[in-house]
């Protein structure tokens, strides 16, 4: 029987640089079998221990439209619980091909993720965050993240190229 590990949108949010959370060298968990896992994307160490035959990332692999600051406070909704310290930051929103490449490298630089991917075949799916959140062809963006009047059509070419470069699958081009 084949073991398939499927990661739906959002599962990797805290472990793959979304919503301001990046790699934290001090983050530590204890698994149900009592093993302590510390630093980086700890989820990949746990997933690797399951020895899946295949895994599927259903989007949200990277958040191109979110910066990763030096630190971010986290709370339970009302009370501040602590401060998340990011190891290395990517405190910018990307537009250029070099920017997109740097964002992908930020995630793939993690040793736990590298070890997991070296042992597990991967199926990936394109997601809206690889360009900008909730985008569609012809959408006009601006203000907070981009120059006013920027067409999303002018933004998707670079992330599409990097998506295929960092996920070696067949590409027929735009």
N, C-alpha and C. Protein backbone atom coordinates (compact mmCIF):
# COMPACT_ATOMS: atom_id res chain seq x y z
N UNK A 1 0.84 -1.17 0.00
CA UNK A 1 0.00 0.00 0.00
C UNK A 1 0.89 1.24 0.00
N UNK A 2 0.60 2.18 -0.88
CA UNK A 2 1.38 3.40 -0.98
C UNK A 2 0.95 4.39 0.09
N UNK A 3 1.92 5.01 0.75
CA UNK A 3 1.63 6.05 1.71
C UNK A 3 1.75 7.40 1.02
N UNK A 4 0.66 8.16 1.01
CA UNK A 4 0.64 9.48 0.40
C UNK A 4 0.48 10.51 1.50
N UNK A 5 1.37 11.48 1.53
CA UNK A 5 1.29 12.56 2.48
C UNK A 5 0.87 13.79 1.71
N UNK A 6 -0.31 14.29 1.98
CA UNK A 6 -0.87 15.42 1.24
C UNK A 6 -0.92 16.64 2.16
N UNK A 7 -0.28 17.70 1.74
CA UNK A 7 -0.27 18.93 2.53
C UNK A 7 -1.17 19.95 1.86
N UNK A 8 -2.28 20.22 2.48
CA UNK A 8 -3.23 21.16 1.93
C UNK A 8 -2.80 22.58 2.25
N UNK A 9 -3.36 23.54 1.50
CA UNK A 9 -3.06 24.95 1.74
C UNK A 9 -3.23 25.26 3.21
N UNK A 10 -2.27 25.97 3.73
CA UNK A 10 -2.33 26.40 5.11
C UNK A 10 -1.54 25.53 6.07
N UNK A 11 -1.38 24.25 5.80
CA UNK A 11 -0.65 23.40 6.73
C UNK A 11 0.79 23.87 6.88
N UNK A 12 1.37 24.35 5.81
CA UNK A 12 2.77 24.77 5.87
C UNK A 12 2.92 26.24 6.24
N UNK A 13 1.83 26.93 6.49
CA UNK A 13 1.92 28.37 6.74
C UNK A 13 2.97 28.70 7.80
N UNK A 14 2.93 28.03 8.92
CA UNK A 14 3.89 28.34 9.97
C UNK A 14 5.26 27.74 9.70
N UNK A 15 5.34 26.85 8.74
CA UNK A 15 6.60 26.15 8.52
C UNK A 15 7.26 26.50 7.20
N UNK A 16 6.58 27.25 6.37
CA UNK A 16 7.19 27.63 5.11
C UNK A 16 6.95 29.09 4.80
N UNK A 17 7.32 29.92 5.70
CA UNK A 17 7.43 31.35 5.49
C UNK A 17 6.16 32.05 5.03
N UNK A 18 5.07 31.77 5.64
CA UNK A 18 3.84 32.48 5.33
C UNK A 18 3.39 33.32 6.50
N UNK A 19 2.68 34.37 6.22
CA UNK A 19 2.08 35.23 7.23
C UNK A 19 3.11 35.84 8.17
N UNK A 20 4.35 35.98 7.70
CA UNK A 20 5.40 36.59 8.50
C UNK A 20 6.26 35.62 9.28
N UNK A 21 5.88 34.34 9.27
CA UNK A 21 6.65 33.34 10.01
C UNK A 21 7.61 32.64 9.06
N UNK A 22 8.90 32.66 9.39
CA UNK A 22 9.90 31.98 8.60
C UNK A 22 10.58 30.90 9.43
N UNK A 23 11.82 30.60 9.11
CA UNK A 23 12.57 29.60 9.86
C UNK A 23 12.99 30.18 11.21
N UNK A 24 12.69 29.47 12.28
CA UNK A 24 13.04 29.91 13.62
C UNK A 24 13.95 28.84 14.23
N UNK A 25 15.20 29.19 14.47
CA UNK A 25 16.16 28.21 14.98
C UNK A 25 15.86 27.78 16.41
N UNK A 26 15.05 28.56 17.13
CA UNK A 26 14.73 28.23 18.53
C UNK A 26 13.42 27.48 18.69
N UNK A 27 12.64 27.37 17.62
CA UNK A 27 11.35 26.69 17.72
C UNK A 27 11.58 25.20 17.97
N UNK A 28 10.86 24.65 18.94
CA UNK A 28 11.08 23.27 19.34
C UNK A 28 9.74 22.58 19.59
N UNK A 29 9.61 21.35 19.12
CA UNK A 29 8.42 20.55 19.40
C UNK A 29 8.86 19.20 19.94
N UNK A 30 7.94 18.56 20.63
CA UNK A 30 8.14 17.18 21.06
C UNK A 30 7.07 16.35 20.37
N UNK A 31 7.48 15.34 19.63
CA UNK A 31 6.55 14.50 18.90
C UNK A 31 5.84 13.54 19.84
N UNK A 32 4.81 12.88 19.35
CA UNK A 32 4.04 11.95 20.18
C UNK A 32 4.88 10.80 20.70
N UNK A 33 5.98 10.48 20.00
CA UNK A 33 6.85 9.40 20.47
C UNK A 33 7.98 9.92 21.38
N UNK A 34 7.89 11.20 21.76
CA UNK A 34 8.84 11.76 22.71
C UNK A 34 10.10 12.36 22.11
N UNK A 35 10.23 12.37 20.79
CA UNK A 35 11.41 12.92 20.13
C UNK A 35 11.32 14.45 20.11
N UNK A 36 12.41 15.12 20.42
CA UNK A 36 12.46 16.58 20.36
C UNK A 36 13.04 16.99 19.01
N UNK A 37 12.35 17.90 18.33
CA UNK A 37 12.80 18.42 17.04
C UNK A 37 12.92 19.93 17.21
N UNK A 38 14.08 20.48 16.84
CA UNK A 38 14.32 21.89 17.06
C UNK A 38 14.87 22.56 15.81
N UNK A 39 14.40 23.77 15.57
CA UNK A 39 14.95 24.66 14.57
C UNK A 39 14.51 24.40 13.15
N UNK A 40 14.36 25.48 12.41
CA UNK A 40 13.98 25.38 11.01
C UNK A 40 12.54 24.94 10.84
N UNK A 41 12.26 24.33 9.71
CA UNK A 41 10.91 23.84 9.42
C UNK A 41 10.75 22.45 10.04
N UNK A 42 10.41 22.42 11.31
CA UNK A 42 10.35 21.18 12.07
C UNK A 42 9.35 20.19 11.49
N UNK A 43 8.36 20.67 10.78
CA UNK A 43 7.34 19.79 10.20
C UNK A 43 7.96 18.76 9.25
N UNK A 44 9.04 19.12 8.57
CA UNK A 44 9.63 18.20 7.60
C UNK A 44 10.34 17.03 8.27
N UNK A 45 10.90 17.24 9.45
CA UNK A 45 11.50 16.14 10.19
C UNK A 45 10.43 15.13 10.57
N UNK A 46 9.30 15.63 11.04
CA UNK A 46 8.19 14.76 11.42
C UNK A 46 7.63 14.03 10.21
N UNK A 47 7.46 14.74 9.10
CA UNK A 47 6.93 14.10 7.89
C UNK A 47 7.89 13.04 7.36
N UNK A 48 9.19 13.33 7.42
CA UNK A 48 10.18 12.36 6.95
C UNK A 48 10.12 11.07 7.75
N UNK A 49 9.84 11.18 9.05
CA UNK A 49 9.76 9.98 9.89
C UNK A 49 8.60 9.07 9.50
N UNK A 50 7.61 9.59 8.79
CA UNK A 50 6.48 8.78 8.32
C UNK A 50 6.82 7.96 7.08
N UNK A 51 7.94 8.28 6.44
CA UNK A 51 8.43 7.58 5.26
C UNK A 51 7.36 7.43 4.16
N UNK A 52 6.80 8.56 3.73
CA UNK A 52 5.78 8.46 2.67
C UNK A 52 6.40 8.06 1.34
N UNK A 53 5.61 7.41 0.49
CA UNK A 53 6.06 7.05 -0.85
C UNK A 53 5.93 8.23 -1.81
N UNK A 54 5.08 9.17 -1.45
CA UNK A 54 4.81 10.34 -2.30
C UNK A 54 4.23 11.43 -1.42
N UNK A 55 4.53 12.67 -1.74
CA UNK A 55 3.87 13.78 -1.05
C UNK A 55 3.35 14.77 -2.08
N UNK A 56 2.36 15.52 -1.67
CA UNK A 56 1.73 16.49 -2.56
C UNK A 56 1.59 17.82 -1.84
N UNK A 57 2.17 18.86 -2.41
CA UNK A 57 2.00 20.22 -1.87
C UNK A 57 0.91 20.89 -2.68
N UNK A 58 -0.20 21.17 -2.04
CA UNK A 58 -1.36 21.75 -2.71
C UNK A 58 -1.37 23.27 -2.57
N UNK A 59 -0.34 23.90 -3.06
CA UNK A 59 -0.26 25.35 -3.03
C UNK A 59 0.37 25.87 -1.76
N UNK A 60 0.48 27.19 -1.69
CA UNK A 60 1.06 27.88 -0.55
C UNK A 60 2.48 27.39 -0.23
N UNK A 61 3.23 27.05 -1.26
CA UNK A 61 4.61 26.62 -1.04
C UNK A 61 5.48 27.80 -0.61
N UNK A 62 5.18 28.95 -1.14
CA UNK A 62 5.89 30.18 -0.79
C UNK A 62 4.87 31.31 -0.79
N UNK A 63 5.18 32.34 -0.09
CA UNK A 63 4.33 33.53 -0.07
C UNK A 63 5.13 34.69 -0.64
N UNK A 64 4.98 34.91 -1.94
CA UNK A 64 5.74 35.97 -2.61
C UNK A 64 5.28 37.35 -2.18
N UNK A 65 4.02 37.46 -1.79
CA UNK A 65 3.47 38.77 -1.45
C UNK A 65 3.55 39.08 0.04
N UNK A 66 4.24 38.26 0.81
CA UNK A 66 4.43 38.52 2.24
C UNK A 66 5.91 38.62 2.56
N UNK A 67 6.25 39.67 3.28
CA UNK A 67 7.61 39.82 3.77
C UNK A 67 7.80 38.94 5.01
N UNK A 68 9.04 38.58 5.27
CA UNK A 68 9.39 37.84 6.48
C UNK A 68 10.27 38.77 7.31
N UNK A 69 9.70 39.42 8.33
CA UNK A 69 10.47 40.37 9.14
C UNK A 69 11.43 39.66 10.08
N UNK A 70 12.26 40.43 10.77
CA UNK A 70 13.21 39.87 11.73
C UNK A 70 12.47 39.11 12.82
N UNK A 71 11.33 39.65 13.27
CA UNK A 71 10.54 38.97 14.30
C UNK A 71 9.08 39.35 14.15
N UNK A 72 8.21 38.54 14.77
CA UNK A 72 6.77 38.79 14.74
C UNK A 72 6.17 38.28 16.04
N UNK A 73 5.30 39.09 16.63
CA UNK A 73 4.63 38.66 17.86
C UNK A 73 3.52 37.68 17.51
N UNK A 74 3.30 36.71 18.38
CA UNK A 74 2.18 35.79 18.19
C UNK A 74 1.35 35.75 19.46
N UNK A 75 0.06 35.48 19.26
CA UNK A 75 -0.88 35.52 20.37
C UNK A 75 -1.92 34.42 20.23
N UNK A 76 -2.71 34.23 21.25
CA UNK A 76 -3.80 33.26 21.21
C UNK A 76 -5.12 33.92 20.80
N UNK A 77 -5.03 35.11 20.27
CA UNK A 77 -6.21 35.87 19.87
C UNK A 77 -6.36 37.12 20.70
N UNK A 78 -5.98 37.05 21.97
CA UNK A 78 -6.10 38.21 22.85
C UNK A 78 -4.83 38.50 23.64
N UNK A 79 -4.09 37.47 23.99
CA UNK A 79 -2.91 37.62 24.82
C UNK A 79 -1.66 37.29 24.03
N UNK A 80 -0.68 38.21 24.09
CA UNK A 80 0.60 37.95 23.43
C UNK A 80 1.28 36.78 24.14
N UNK A 81 1.67 35.77 23.34
CA UNK A 81 2.31 34.59 23.90
C UNK A 81 3.82 34.62 23.77
N UNK A 82 4.31 35.40 22.82
CA UNK A 82 5.75 35.45 22.62
C UNK A 82 6.11 36.14 21.33
N UNK A 83 7.38 36.07 20.99
CA UNK A 83 7.89 36.66 19.76
C UNK A 83 8.60 35.59 18.96
N UNK A 84 8.19 35.43 17.71
CA UNK A 84 8.79 34.49 16.79
C UNK A 84 9.99 35.17 16.14
N UNK A 85 11.18 34.58 16.26
CA UNK A 85 12.40 35.15 15.68
C UNK A 85 12.75 34.39 14.41
N UNK A 86 12.72 35.09 13.29
CA UNK A 86 13.04 34.47 12.00
C UNK A 86 14.54 34.39 11.79
N UNK A 87 15.01 33.23 11.35
CA UNK A 87 16.40 33.06 10.98
C UNK A 87 16.54 33.46 9.52
N UNK A 88 17.29 34.46 9.30
CA UNK A 88 17.37 35.09 7.98
C UNK A 88 16.00 35.67 7.66
N UNK A 89 15.98 36.75 7.00
CA UNK A 89 14.71 37.37 6.65
C UNK A 89 14.62 37.51 5.15
N UNK A 90 13.41 37.68 4.69
CA UNK A 90 13.17 38.03 3.29
C UNK A 90 12.13 39.14 3.34
N UNK A 91 12.58 40.24 3.90
CA UNK A 91 11.68 41.34 4.25
C UNK A 91 11.40 42.24 3.04
N UNK A 92 10.82 41.63 2.01
CA UNK A 92 10.47 42.39 0.82
C UNK A 92 9.40 41.63 0.04
N UNK A 93 8.66 42.38 -0.75
CA UNK A 93 7.69 41.79 -1.68
C UNK A 93 8.38 41.72 -3.02
N UNK A 94 8.23 40.62 -3.73
CA UNK A 94 9.01 40.40 -4.94
C UNK A 94 8.29 40.86 -6.20
N UNK A 95 9.12 41.21 -7.18
CA UNK A 95 8.63 41.58 -8.50
C UNK A 95 9.56 41.01 -9.57
N UNK A 96 10.88 41.14 -9.37
CA UNK A 96 11.84 40.72 -10.39
C UNK A 96 12.10 39.22 -10.32
N UNK A 97 12.68 38.69 -11.39
CA UNK A 97 13.04 37.27 -11.43
C UNK A 97 14.02 36.93 -10.31
N UNK A 98 15.01 37.80 -10.06
CA UNK A 98 15.97 37.57 -8.98
C UNK A 98 15.28 37.55 -7.61
N UNK A 99 14.29 38.42 -7.42
CA UNK A 99 13.53 38.44 -6.16
C UNK A 99 12.80 37.11 -5.95
N UNK A 100 12.14 36.62 -7.01
CA UNK A 100 11.41 35.36 -6.91
C UNK A 100 12.36 34.21 -6.60
N UNK A 101 13.50 34.21 -7.24
CA UNK A 101 14.50 33.17 -7.01
C UNK A 101 14.94 33.19 -5.55
N UNK A 102 15.16 34.37 -4.98
CA UNK A 102 15.57 34.49 -3.58
C UNK A 102 14.51 33.95 -2.63
N UNK A 103 13.24 34.17 -2.94
CA UNK A 103 12.16 33.66 -2.09
C UNK A 103 12.12 32.14 -2.09
N UNK A 104 12.26 31.53 -3.28
CA UNK A 104 12.28 30.06 -3.35
C UNK A 104 13.48 29.51 -2.58
N UNK A 105 14.64 30.14 -2.75
CA UNK A 105 15.85 29.66 -2.08
C UNK A 105 15.71 29.75 -0.57
N UNK A 106 14.98 30.74 -0.07
CA UNK A 106 14.79 30.87 1.37
C UNK A 106 14.17 29.59 1.93
N UNK A 107 13.15 29.08 1.26
CA UNK A 107 12.51 27.85 1.74
C UNK A 107 13.39 26.63 1.52
N UNK A 108 13.96 26.50 0.34
CA UNK A 108 14.75 25.31 0.01
C UNK A 108 16.09 25.26 0.75
N UNK A 109 16.48 26.35 1.39
CA UNK A 109 17.73 26.39 2.15
C UNK A 109 17.60 25.60 3.45
N UNK A 110 16.38 25.36 3.91
CA UNK A 110 16.15 24.66 5.18
C UNK A 110 16.62 23.21 5.08
N UNK A 111 17.48 22.80 6.04
CA UNK A 111 18.07 21.44 6.02
C UNK A 111 17.02 20.34 6.18
N UNK A 112 16.01 20.56 7.03
CA UNK A 112 14.98 19.55 7.23
C UNK A 112 14.14 19.36 5.96
N UNK A 113 13.84 20.46 5.29
CA UNK A 113 13.09 20.38 4.04
C UNK A 113 13.94 19.67 2.97
N UNK A 114 15.22 20.00 2.89
CA UNK A 114 16.11 19.37 1.92
C UNK A 114 16.18 17.86 2.14
N UNK A 115 16.31 17.44 3.38
CA UNK A 115 16.39 16.01 3.69
C UNK A 115 15.10 15.30 3.29
N UNK A 116 13.97 15.89 3.62
CA UNK A 116 12.68 15.29 3.28
C UNK A 116 12.52 15.15 1.77
N UNK A 117 12.80 16.23 1.03
CA UNK A 117 12.61 16.21 -0.42
C UNK A 117 13.61 15.30 -1.13
N UNK A 118 14.77 15.08 -0.53
CA UNK A 118 15.75 14.17 -1.12
C UNK A 118 15.29 12.72 -1.07
N UNK A 119 14.34 12.42 -0.17
CA UNK A 119 13.89 11.04 0.02
C UNK A 119 12.46 10.79 -0.44
N UNK A 120 11.74 11.84 -0.81
CA UNK A 120 10.31 11.69 -1.08
C UNK A 120 9.92 12.33 -2.40
N UNK A 121 9.37 11.57 -3.35
CA UNK A 121 8.86 12.18 -4.58
C UNK A 121 7.77 13.20 -4.25
N UNK A 122 7.68 14.23 -5.08
CA UNK A 122 6.80 15.35 -4.78
C UNK A 122 5.93 15.72 -5.97
N UNK A 123 4.65 15.93 -5.71
CA UNK A 123 3.73 16.50 -6.70
C UNK A 123 3.38 17.90 -6.19
N UNK A 124 3.50 18.90 -7.05
CA UNK A 124 3.23 20.29 -6.64
C UNK A 124 2.10 20.88 -7.46
N UNK A 125 1.46 21.87 -6.88
CA UNK A 125 0.36 22.56 -7.55
C UNK A 125 0.60 24.06 -7.44
N UNK A 126 0.40 24.77 -8.55
CA UNK A 126 0.52 26.22 -8.60
C UNK A 126 -0.54 26.83 -7.69
N UNK A 127 -0.21 27.96 -7.06
CA UNK A 127 -1.12 28.59 -6.13
C UNK A 127 -1.08 30.11 -6.30
N UNK A 128 -2.12 30.78 -5.87
CA UNK A 128 -2.19 32.23 -6.04
C UNK A 128 -1.09 32.98 -5.31
N UNK A 129 -0.59 32.48 -4.18
CA UNK A 129 0.45 33.20 -3.46
C UNK A 129 1.79 33.20 -4.19
N UNK A 130 1.91 32.40 -5.22
CA UNK A 130 3.17 32.40 -5.97
C UNK A 130 3.27 33.67 -6.82
N UNK A 131 2.16 34.36 -7.02
CA UNK A 131 2.17 35.66 -7.70
C UNK A 131 1.81 36.75 -6.68
N UNK A 132 0.58 36.80 -6.30
CA UNK A 132 0.09 37.69 -5.24
C UNK A 132 -1.26 37.13 -4.80
N UNK A 133 -1.66 37.39 -3.60
CA UNK A 133 -2.86 36.76 -3.04
C UNK A 133 -4.12 37.08 -3.86
N UNK A 134 -4.89 36.03 -4.12
CA UNK A 134 -6.21 36.15 -4.77
C UNK A 134 -6.16 36.92 -6.09
N UNK A 135 -5.23 36.55 -6.94
CA UNK A 135 -5.11 37.25 -8.22
C UNK A 135 -5.82 36.49 -9.33
N UNK A 136 -6.09 37.18 -10.40
CA UNK A 136 -6.67 36.60 -11.60
C UNK A 136 -6.20 37.43 -12.79
N UNK A 137 -6.30 36.85 -13.95
CA UNK A 137 -5.87 37.53 -15.17
C UNK A 137 -6.61 38.85 -15.32
N UNK A 138 -5.87 39.91 -15.50
CA UNK A 138 -6.47 41.23 -15.70
C UNK A 138 -6.65 42.03 -14.43
N UNK A 139 -6.45 41.42 -13.27
CA UNK A 139 -6.60 42.14 -12.01
C UNK A 139 -5.59 43.28 -11.94
N UNK A 140 -6.00 44.42 -11.42
CA UNK A 140 -5.12 45.57 -11.23
C UNK A 140 -4.84 45.68 -9.74
N UNK A 141 -3.57 45.76 -9.38
CA UNK A 141 -3.16 45.87 -7.99
C UNK A 141 -2.39 47.16 -7.79
N UNK A 142 -2.08 47.47 -6.56
CA UNK A 142 -1.30 48.68 -6.28
C UNK A 142 -1.21 48.93 -4.80
N UNK A 143 -1.07 50.19 -4.49
CA UNK A 143 -1.03 50.69 -3.11
C UNK A 143 -0.04 49.94 -2.23
N UNK A 144 -0.52 49.12 -1.33
CA UNK A 144 0.31 48.54 -0.28
C UNK A 144 1.52 47.76 -0.79
N UNK A 145 1.36 46.93 -1.83
CA UNK A 145 2.44 46.05 -2.26
C UNK A 145 3.12 46.47 -3.56
N UNK A 146 2.37 47.06 -4.47
CA UNK A 146 2.90 47.35 -5.80
C UNK A 146 2.59 48.79 -6.19
N UNK A 147 3.21 49.23 -7.28
CA UNK A 147 2.87 50.55 -7.80
C UNK A 147 1.40 50.57 -8.19
N UNK A 148 0.72 51.68 -7.91
CA UNK A 148 -0.68 51.80 -8.31
C UNK A 148 -0.84 51.52 -9.79
N UNK A 149 -1.87 50.76 -10.14
CA UNK A 149 -2.17 50.47 -11.53
C UNK A 149 -1.39 49.32 -12.12
N UNK A 150 -0.69 48.54 -11.29
CA UNK A 150 0.08 47.40 -11.78
C UNK A 150 -0.89 46.28 -12.19
N UNK A 151 -0.71 45.79 -13.41
CA UNK A 151 -1.53 44.67 -13.88
C UNK A 151 -0.89 43.36 -13.43
N UNK A 152 -1.70 42.48 -12.86
CA UNK A 152 -1.18 41.18 -12.44
C UNK A 152 -0.62 40.42 -13.64
N UNK A 153 -1.16 40.69 -14.83
CA UNK A 153 -0.64 40.04 -16.04
C UNK A 153 0.85 40.31 -16.20
N UNK A 154 1.33 41.46 -15.73
CA UNK A 154 2.75 41.78 -15.84
C UNK A 154 3.57 41.13 -14.72
N UNK A 155 2.91 40.55 -13.72
CA UNK A 155 3.62 39.97 -12.58
C UNK A 155 3.80 38.46 -12.67
N UNK A 156 2.94 37.74 -13.38
CA UNK A 156 2.95 36.28 -13.27
C UNK A 156 4.06 35.58 -14.06
N UNK A 157 4.68 36.23 -15.02
CA UNK A 157 5.70 35.59 -15.85
C UNK A 157 6.91 35.14 -15.02
N UNK A 158 7.45 36.01 -14.19
CA UNK A 158 8.61 35.66 -13.37
C UNK A 158 8.32 34.54 -12.38
N UNK A 159 7.23 34.61 -11.60
CA UNK A 159 6.98 33.50 -10.68
C UNK A 159 6.68 32.19 -11.38
N UNK A 160 6.07 32.25 -12.57
CA UNK A 160 5.81 31.02 -13.32
C UNK A 160 7.13 30.35 -13.71
N UNK A 161 8.07 31.15 -14.19
CA UNK A 161 9.38 30.61 -14.57
C UNK A 161 10.07 29.99 -13.36
N UNK A 162 10.08 30.70 -12.23
CA UNK A 162 10.73 30.17 -11.04
C UNK A 162 10.01 28.94 -10.48
N UNK A 163 8.68 28.90 -10.58
CA UNK A 163 7.94 27.72 -10.13
C UNK A 163 8.45 26.48 -10.84
N UNK A 164 8.65 26.57 -12.15
CA UNK A 164 9.14 25.41 -12.90
C UNK A 164 10.63 25.16 -12.68
N UNK A 165 11.40 26.19 -12.43
CA UNK A 165 12.83 25.99 -12.18
C UNK A 165 13.08 25.32 -10.82
N UNK A 166 12.27 25.64 -9.82
CA UNK A 166 12.46 25.07 -8.49
C UNK A 166 11.66 23.79 -8.27
N UNK A 167 10.81 23.46 -9.21
CA UNK A 167 10.03 22.22 -9.17
C UNK A 167 10.18 21.57 -10.54
N UNK A 168 11.19 20.75 -10.71
CA UNK A 168 11.54 20.25 -12.05
C UNK A 168 10.47 19.35 -12.65
N UNK A 169 9.51 19.97 -13.30
CA UNK A 169 8.45 19.28 -14.02
C UNK A 169 8.38 19.85 -15.41
N UNK A 170 7.77 19.11 -16.30
CA UNK A 170 7.69 19.52 -17.70
C UNK A 170 6.94 20.85 -17.85
N UNK A 171 7.51 21.75 -18.69
CA UNK A 171 6.91 23.06 -18.92
C UNK A 171 6.94 23.37 -20.40
N UNK A 172 5.82 23.72 -20.93
CA UNK A 172 5.74 24.07 -22.36
C UNK A 172 5.97 25.55 -22.60
N UNK A 173 6.09 26.31 -21.54
CA UNK A 173 6.30 27.76 -21.67
C UNK A 173 4.98 28.50 -21.61
N UNK A 174 5.07 29.84 -21.50
CA UNK A 174 3.83 30.64 -21.38
C UNK A 174 3.01 30.65 -22.64
